[in-house]
Amino acid sequence: MPSSRDKKGAAPAASKAKPPAPAPAAPAQPPADASASNAPAASASPPQPPAAPPAAGKAKTVHMTRDPELHPVGPHKADVHPEEVDNYAQHGWVRSE
């Protein structure tokens, strides 16, 4: 009597299953006039113009140094962004002109 298994003992391949159904479509966008209710009130301040770029095309920096005797491994000079001066000062840097 013939067997449904092949010579290696494996069961025959199952028929291919159907691919899953596509996901439902995204909900439609609300009408244009419906979004107007989410708009800011007319009393809101007008938008501000963007900040002007630096005049020379380079940000202003603060020149700082640190003592080579206390810190034998460099660097010993740095041009630091003004917002970072306090962070550098905590690690032995001092302003210099």
Protein backbone atom coordinates (compact mmCIF):
# COMPACT_ATOMS: atom_id res chain seq x y z
CA MET A 1 0.00 0.00 0.00
CA PRO A 2 1.50 3.37 -1.02
CA SER A 3 2.31 5.85 1.72
CA SER A 4 1.67 9.60 1.71
CA ARG A 5 5.23 10.11 2.99
CA ASP A 6 8.20 10.39 0.65
CA LYS A 7 11.25 8.19 0.86
CA LYS A 8 12.85 10.31 3.64
CA GLY A 9 9.83 10.00 5.89
CA ALA A 10 8.70 13.62 5.65
CA ALA A 11 5.05 14.49 5.26
CA PRO A 12 4.04 16.01 1.91
CA ALA A 13 4.19 19.80 1.70
CA ALA A 14 0.99 21.49 2.76
CA SER A 15 -0.83 23.55 0.20
CA LYS A 16 0.09 27.21 0.32
CA ALA A 17 -2.08 29.25 2.64
CA LYS A 18 -3.82 32.34 1.38
CA PRO A 19 -2.02 35.61 2.15
CA PRO A 20 -3.58 37.67 4.94
CA ALA A 21 -6.20 40.19 3.94
CA PRO A 22 -4.92 43.75 3.47
CA ALA A 23 -5.26 46.13 6.40
CA PRO A 24 -8.33 48.35 6.38
CA ALA A 25 -7.86 51.76 4.79
CA ALA A 26 -7.00 54.72 7.01
CA PRO A 27 -9.96 56.88 8.03
CA ALA A 28 -10.69 59.76 5.70
CA GLN A 29 -9.34 63.20 6.53
CA PRO A 30 -11.83 65.57 8.19
CA PRO A 31 -13.31 68.28 5.97
CA ALA A 32 -11.21 71.43 5.57
CA ASP A 33 -13.65 73.56 7.57
CA ALA A 34 -13.51 71.12 10.51
CA SER A 35 -9.81 71.83 11.04
CA ALA A 36 -10.53 75.56 11.26
CA SER A 37 -11.98 75.01 14.74
CA ASN A 38 -8.49 73.91 15.85
CA ALA A 39 -6.88 77.11 14.56
CA PRO A 40 -5.44 79.54 17.12
CA ALA A 41 -7.62 82.43 18.18
CA ALA A 42 -7.31 85.69 16.27
CA SER A 43 -5.92 87.37 19.41
CA ALA A 44 -2.72 85.29 19.22
CA SER A 45 0.47 87.28 18.68
CA PRO A 46 1.80 87.42 15.11
CA PRO A 47 4.72 85.12 14.22
CA GLN A 48 8.14 86.54 14.99
CA PRO A 49 10.80 86.87 12.27
CA PRO A 50 13.75 84.45 12.51
CA ALA A 51 16.78 85.57 14.48
CA ALA A 52 19.48 87.30 12.48
CA PRO A 53 22.62 85.23 11.76
CA PRO A 54 25.92 86.27 13.38
CA ALA A 55 27.43 89.31 11.66
CA ALA A 56 30.79 87.76 10.77
CA GLY A 57 29.35 84.31 10.10
CA LYS A 58 31.05 83.02 13.24
CA ALA A 59 29.57 82.65 16.72
CA LYS A 60 31.08 84.83 19.44
CA THR A 61 33.35 82.80 21.73
CA VAL A 62 35.14 83.35 25.02
CA HIS A 63 38.88 82.67 25.12
CA MET A 64 39.80 80.47 28.10
CA THR A 65 43.05 78.95 29.39
CA ARG A 66 44.14 76.60 32.15
CA ASP A 67 47.37 76.22 34.12
CA PRO A 68 49.79 73.74 32.44
CA GLU A 69 51.41 72.96 35.82
CA LEU A 70 48.08 71.81 37.28
CA HIS A 71 46.98 70.14 34.04
CA PRO A 72 50.11 68.73 32.36
CA VAL A 73 48.11 67.10 29.56
CA GLY A 74 46.72 69.65 27.04
CA PRO A 75 44.83 71.44 25.78
CA HIS A 76 45.60 74.64 27.64
CA LYS A 77 43.77 77.16 25.40
CA ALA A 78 40.21 77.08 24.08
CA ASP A 79 37.64 79.31 22.43
CA VAL A 80 34.42 78.44 24.26
CA HIS A 81 30.79 79.18 23.47
CA PRO A 82 29.42 81.64 26.08
CA GLU A 83 26.84 79.10 27.32
CA GLU A 84 29.64 76.60 28.10
CA VAL A 85 31.90 78.95 30.12
CA ASP A 86 30.56 77.74 33.50
CA ASN A 87 31.09 74.09 32.51
CA TYR A 88 34.73 74.78 31.57
CA ALA A 89 35.31 76.84 34.73
CA GLN A 90 34.35 73.81 36.84
CA HIS A 91 37.32 71.95 35.30
CA GLY A 92 40.04 74.51 35.93
CA TRP A 93 39.57 76.83 32.95
CA VAL A 94 39.68 80.62 33.43
CA ARG A 95 38.73 83.46 31.11
CA SER A 96 41.56 85.24 29.37
CA GLU A 97 41.54 88.17 26.98
